[in-house]
Protein backbone atom coordinates (compact mmCIF):
# COMPACT_ATOMS: atom_id res chain seq x y z
CA MET A 1 -15.25 203.45 142.29
CA ASN A 2 -18.92 202.39 143.45
CA ILE A 3 -19.05 199.02 144.80
CA THR A 4 -22.44 197.60 146.29
CA VAL A 5 -22.25 194.80 148.98
CA SER A 6 -25.04 192.52 149.26
CA GLU A 7 -25.73 191.38 152.56
CA GLU A 8 -27.24 188.33 151.14
CA LEU A 9 -24.31 187.47 149.24
CA LYS A 10 -21.95 188.33 152.09
CA ALA A 11 -23.72 185.62 154.34
CA TYR A 12 -24.14 182.84 151.65
CA ILE A 13 -20.71 181.42 152.53
CA ASP A 14 -20.12 180.80 156.16
CA PRO A 15 -18.08 183.68 157.44
CA LEU A 16 -14.31 183.46 158.77
CA THR A 17 -13.60 182.47 162.15
CA PRO A 18 -11.95 185.30 164.24
CA ASP A 19 -8.58 183.74 163.82
CA GLU A 20 -9.12 183.45 160.12
CA HIS A 21 -9.94 186.96 159.83
CA GLU A 22 -7.07 188.02 162.03
CA ALA A 23 -4.59 185.85 159.97
CA LEU A 24 -6.25 187.48 156.57
CA GLU A 25 -5.86 190.95 158.00
CA ARG A 26 -2.08 190.31 158.76
CA SER A 27 -1.42 189.18 155.15
CA LEU A 28 -3.09 192.03 153.73
CA LEU A 29 -1.25 194.48 155.98
CA ALA A 30 2.06 192.79 155.10
CA GLU A 31 1.64 191.88 151.65
CA GLY A 32 -1.21 193.91 150.19
CA CYS A 33 -4.19 192.77 148.27
CA ARG A 34 -2.84 190.49 145.40
CA ASP A 35 -6.15 189.11 144.57
CA ALA A 36 -8.63 191.26 142.48
CA LEU A 37 -12.01 191.46 143.98
CA VAL A 38 -14.72 190.00 141.67
CA LEU A 39 -17.74 192.25 140.45
CA TRP A 40 -20.88 191.74 138.47
CA GLY A 41 -21.19 195.31 137.53
CA ASP A 42 -20.90 197.16 140.72
CA LEU A 43 -22.22 194.24 142.80
CA LEU A 44 -19.25 192.62 144.77
CA ILE A 45 -19.25 188.78 144.26
CA ASP A 46 -16.04 187.64 145.73
CA GLY A 47 -13.63 189.44 148.14
CA HIS A 48 -15.97 190.72 151.01
CA ASN A 49 -13.58 189.95 153.68
CA ARG A 50 -10.65 191.55 151.79
CA TYR A 51 -12.96 194.58 150.64
CA GLY A 52 -13.82 195.27 154.20
CA ILE A 53 -10.11 195.01 155.48
CA CYS A 54 -8.78 196.99 152.45
CA GLN A 55 -11.49 199.96 153.47
CA GLN A 56 -10.61 199.94 156.98
CA HIS A 57 -6.89 200.43 156.58
CA GLY A 58 -6.74 202.12 153.14
CA ILE A 59 -5.18 199.24 151.22
CA PRO A 60 -5.30 199.63 147.44
CA PHE A 61 -6.96 196.69 145.68
CA GLN A 62 -8.05 195.64 142.03
CA THR A 63 -11.44 194.90 140.45
CA VAL A 64 -12.34 192.26 137.72
CA GLN A 65 -15.73 191.82 135.96
CA HIS A 66 -16.92 188.48 135.67
CA PRO A 67 -18.12 187.95 132.12
CA HIS A 68 -20.64 184.94 132.15
CA PHE A 69 -23.26 185.98 134.77
CA LYS A 70 -26.77 186.10 133.75
CA SER A 71 -28.66 185.64 136.72
CA MET A 72 -28.29 185.36 140.56
CA ASP A 73 -28.13 181.53 140.10
CA ASP A 74 -25.05 181.84 137.97
CA VAL A 75 -23.62 183.99 140.99
CA HIS A 76 -24.33 181.59 143.57
CA LEU A 77 -23.16 178.67 141.35
CA TRP A 78 -19.79 180.24 140.78
CA MET A 79 -19.45 181.14 144.73
CA ILE A 80 -20.22 177.51 145.53
CA ASP A 81 -17.50 176.40 143.03
CA GLN A 82 -14.98 178.72 144.31
CA HIS A 83 -15.33 177.31 147.86
CA LEU A 84 -15.49 173.77 147.12
CA GLY A 85 -12.22 174.00 145.77
CA ARG A 86 -10.49 175.54 148.71
CA ARG A 87 -8.83 173.42 151.07
CA SER A 88 -9.82 175.54 154.16
CA VAL A 89 -13.48 174.59 153.85
CA SER A 90 -14.48 171.86 156.47
CA ASP A 91 -16.13 168.83 155.27
CA PHE A 92 -19.53 170.02 156.42
CA GLN A 93 -19.31 173.16 154.58
CA ARG A 94 -18.46 171.49 151.58
CA GLY A 95 -21.40 168.98 151.92
CA VAL A 96 -23.65 172.02 152.55
CA LEU A 97 -22.38 173.82 149.48
CA ALA A 98 -22.70 170.56 146.97
CA LEU A 99 -26.44 170.14 148.31
CA ARG A 100 -27.07 173.88 147.63
CA LYS A 101 -25.73 173.28 144.15
CA ARG A 102 -27.95 170.51 143.57
CA GLU A 103 -30.90 172.18 144.59
CA ILE A 104 -29.96 175.18 142.27
CA LEU A 105 -29.44 173.00 139.27
CA ALA A 106 -32.70 171.00 139.80
CA GLN A 107 -34.99 174.13 140.18
CA ARG A 108 -33.21 175.39 136.85
CA ARG A 109 -34.13 171.95 135.31
CA GLU A 110 -37.77 172.18 136.41
CA ARG A 111 -38.20 175.87 135.29
CA GLY A 112 -36.55 174.77 131.92
CA ALA A 113 -38.95 171.63 131.51
CA ALA A 114 -41.94 174.13 132.46
CA ALA A 115 -41.04 176.74 129.80
CA SER A 116 -42.55 176.00 126.20
CA PRO A 117 -40.49 176.34 123.06
CA ALA A 118 -43.07 179.24 122.26
CA SER A 119 -42.43 181.26 125.50
CA ALA A 120 -38.60 180.65 125.43
CA SER A 121 -38.70 182.28 122.07
CA ALA A 122 -40.59 185.03 123.25
CA GLN A 123 -38.51 185.56 126.22
CA ALA A 124 -35.42 185.67 123.93
CA ASP A 125 -37.05 188.23 121.69
CA GLN A 126 -37.81 190.47 125.01
CA THR A 127 -34.31 189.98 126.10
CA ASP A 128 -32.78 191.25 122.74
CA ARG A 129 -35.17 194.40 122.96
CA ALA A 130 -34.38 195.07 126.42
CA SER A 131 -30.61 194.71 125.45
CA LEU A 132 -30.88 197.29 122.47
CA GLU A 133 -33.14 199.69 124.68
CA THR A 134 -30.62 199.90 127.45
CA ASP A 135 -27.47 200.25 125.14
CA GLY A 136 -25.87 196.77 126.14
CA THR A 137 -25.93 197.33 129.75
CA THR A 138 -27.17 194.98 132.67
CA ALA A 139 -29.29 195.51 135.54
CA HIS A 140 -26.07 196.04 137.65
CA GLY A 141 -24.30 198.53 135.12
CA ALA A 142 -21.87 195.83 133.39
CA ALA A 143 -21.40 195.81 129.84
CA SER A 144 -23.35 192.82 128.08
CA THR A 145 -21.29 190.13 126.42
CA PRO A 146 -22.12 187.20 124.24
CA ALA A 147 -20.12 184.79 126.01
CA THR A 148 -22.14 182.32 128.18
CA ALA A 149 -20.91 179.91 130.69
CA PRO A 150 -21.43 176.12 130.10
CA GLU A 151 -24.20 174.76 132.29
CA PRO A 152 -22.82 172.63 135.07
CA ALA A 153 -23.71 169.04 135.07
CA PRO A 154 -26.58 167.88 137.22
CA LEU A 155 -26.04 166.33 140.65
CA LYS A 156 -28.49 163.45 140.19
CA ASN A 157 -27.62 161.51 143.33
CA ARG A 158 -25.49 161.17 146.26
CA THR A 159 -22.65 159.86 144.45
CA ASP A 160 -22.54 162.89 142.35
CA ILE A 161 -23.02 165.19 145.21
CA ALA A 162 -20.15 163.34 147.05
CA ARG A 163 -17.81 163.54 144.09
CA ALA A 164 -18.45 167.36 143.77
CA ALA A 165 -17.63 167.80 147.72
CA ARG A 166 -14.81 165.27 147.75
CA LEU A 167 -16.59 163.22 150.54
CA SER A 168 -18.08 159.80 150.74
CA SER A 169 -21.72 159.12 150.13
CA ASN A 170 -22.12 158.20 153.78
CA GLN A 171 -20.74 161.80 154.95
CA VAL A 172 -23.30 163.17 152.42
CA VAL A 173 -26.28 161.19 154.19
CA MET A 174 -25.02 162.47 157.54
CA ILE A 175 -24.92 166.03 156.54
CA GLU A 176 -28.39 165.89 154.93
CA LYS A 177 -29.86 164.34 158.14
CA ILE A 178 -27.95 167.08 160.24
CA GLN A 179 -29.25 170.01 158.02
CA ASN A 180 -32.89 168.56 158.13
CA GLN A 181 -32.98 167.55 162.04
CA ALA A 182 -30.47 169.32 164.10
CA VAL A 183 -31.26 172.25 166.04
CA PRO A 184 -29.11 175.63 165.39
CA GLU A 185 -26.87 174.93 168.48
CA LEU A 186 -25.76 171.45 167.12
CA VAL A 187 -25.04 172.98 163.70
CA ALA A 188 -23.02 175.54 165.18
CA ALA A 189 -21.15 172.74 167.29
CA VAL A 190 -20.54 171.04 163.93
CA LYS A 191 -19.25 174.00 162.32
CA GLN A 192 -17.04 174.98 165.06
CA GLY A 193 -15.43 171.37 165.02
CA THR A 194 -16.82 170.61 168.67
CA ILE A 195 -18.41 167.59 167.41
CA SER A 196 -17.77 165.04 164.72
CA LEU A 197 -20.12 164.67 161.61
CA ASN A 198 -20.84 160.93 162.78
CA ALA A 199 -21.67 162.14 166.26
CA ALA A 200 -23.62 165.08 165.31
CA ALA A 201 -25.82 162.84 163.01
CA ALA A 202 -26.54 160.69 165.93
CA VAL A 203 -27.52 163.51 168.30
CA ALA A 204 -29.79 164.94 165.42
CA SER A 205 -32.06 161.84 166.23
CA LEU A 206 -32.68 163.19 169.67
CA PRO A 207 -35.74 165.64 170.23
CA ALA A 208 -34.72 169.26 169.65
CA GLU A 209 -34.56 170.12 173.47
CA GLU A 210 -32.29 167.31 174.20
CA GLN A 211 -29.95 168.31 171.26
CA LYS A 212 -29.96 172.02 172.50
CA ALA A 213 -29.10 170.89 175.92
CA ALA A 214 -26.32 168.75 174.74
CA ALA A 215 -24.78 171.35 172.50
CA LEU A 216 -25.06 174.03 175.29
CA ALA A 217 -23.32 171.73 177.64
CA GLY A 218 -20.17 171.25 175.53
CA LYS A 219 -18.29 168.71 173.84
CA ASP A 220 -18.44 165.79 176.35
CA GLU A 221 -21.92 165.76 176.90
CA LEU A 222 -22.45 165.90 173.06
CA LYS A 223 -20.11 162.82 173.09
CA GLN A 224 -22.38 161.14 175.77
CA ALA A 225 -25.67 161.88 173.71
CA ALA A 226 -24.36 160.39 170.91
CA LYS A 227 -23.00 157.25 172.58
CA ARG A 228 -26.46 156.97 174.31
CA VAL A 229 -28.25 156.94 170.74
CA ARG A 230 -25.92 154.61 169.29
CA GLU A 231 -26.42 152.25 172.43
CA VAL A 232 -30.33 152.51 171.88
CA LYS A 233 -29.94 151.56 168.03
CA ARG A 234 -27.77 148.60 168.95
CA LYS A 235 -30.41 146.84 171.33
CA PRO A 236 -33.09 146.57 168.92
CA ASN A 237 -30.60 144.91 166.38
CA ALA A 238 -29.51 142.52 168.95
CA GLN A 239 -33.23 141.51 169.62
CA ARG A 240 -33.70 140.95 166.18
CA ASP A 241 -30.77 138.84 165.94
CA ASP A 242 -31.82 136.68 168.89
CA ALA A 243 -35.40 136.42 167.29
CA ALA A 244 -33.88 135.12 164.09
CA ASP A 245 -31.74 132.57 165.85
CA PRO A 246 -34.11 129.64 167.47
CA SER A 247 -31.11 128.30 169.24
CA SER A 248 -31.12 131.34 171.39
CA HIS A 249 -34.35 130.58 173.08
CA GLU A 250 -33.22 127.09 174.36
CA GLU A 251 -33.89 126.53 178.16
CA PRO A 252 -30.50 126.99 179.88
CA PRO A 253 -29.22 124.00 182.07
CA PHE A 254 -30.31 124.22 185.57
CA GLU A 255 -28.00 125.89 188.03
CA PRO A 256 -29.10 126.30 191.59
CA GLY A 257 -29.35 130.20 192.17
CA SER A 258 -29.04 131.10 188.57
CA GLY A 259 -32.58 132.39 187.63
CA PRO A 260 -36.12 132.92 187.98
CA HIS A 261 -36.92 129.19 187.67
CA ASP A 262 -34.84 127.89 190.41
CA GLU A 263 -37.69 126.77 192.79
CA VAL A 264 -39.45 124.90 190.00
CA GLN A 265 -36.35 123.24 188.78
CA ALA A 266 -35.35 122.23 192.45
CA LEU A 267 -38.85 120.70 193.06
CA ARG A 268 -38.50 118.71 189.62
CA GLN A 269 -35.05 117.39 190.84
CA ARG A 270 -36.65 116.48 194.52
CA VAL A 271 -39.58 114.54 192.64
CA ALA A 272 -37.15 112.58 190.40
CA GLU A 273 -34.97 111.64 193.39
CA LEU A 274 -38.14 110.39 195.44
CA THR A 275 -39.23 108.45 192.43
CA ALA A 276 -35.97 106.72 192.18
CA GLU A 277 -36.04 105.93 195.89
CA ASN A 278 -39.73 104.44 195.45
CA GLN A 279 -38.37 102.14 192.75
CA ALA A 280 -35.41 101.04 194.54
CA LEU A 281 -37.84 100.06 197.59
CA ARG A 282 -40.33 98.32 195.40
CA GLU A 283 -37.36 96.15 193.93
CA GLN A 284 -36.14 95.43 197.35
CA LEU A 285 -39.66 94.21 198.48
CA ALA A 286 -39.86 92.05 195.36
CA ARG A 287 -36.58 90.33 196.24
CA LEU A 288 -37.79 89.69 200.00
CA GLN A 289 -40.98 88.19 198.74
CA ALA A 290 -39.30 85.88 196.34
């Protein structure tokens, strides 16, 4: 059997950890390959790890053709949906996959909107002619089929993405920030579970060099970096609260030794005492004159 392995498809989903790969290998050696590998023609779509282990140990396996693939977009969407449904996938991985799905569907809509009815008709005619000329085979050698998978519903907003990934909208926001701002070392720490989504999103606010240094230093330094970022964010908030509250600017009562205005306050108090003494002397003098 001729099976083609695409390195792009093999790397499209995060690889198994060494422990996960070892567990899969033990399972295949003990129970055989129970699930069929999924092909599109001769192109391997699902089961790259199983295929490699079976080849290494001479374990028999079955294959099955997927009937609905028309393009590589279809392949990617199917792979994403398969992994979104698996419990072993982390929150970060599910978020990344759901964001990829949104991008693919958005690009499809843009291409569909740009194509005029005339060009779409011409493309359909060309596809029909090509199908007849190739005697009903696809580019990968699979028999053509009229079956067509329904178009997935678009992911219009973060709520849709969160629902697809079984996450909260806030988690989706954090994953987007990590994707857009985090250095590879920080992303790797998230994937390995060294740092939480919340902490990683905070650290991603730092300059790239600081992110990298914290990630390379390990779990404790990442936690400290996230803590520093949160403290810096809290200070402006506290300052804004003070500015919004006029009572926060009232001059506090004088307490000797309590602040930078102590000397001025002491002088004022001394002047008040001397004024009182002067007034008392004037009153005494007035009584004597009477």
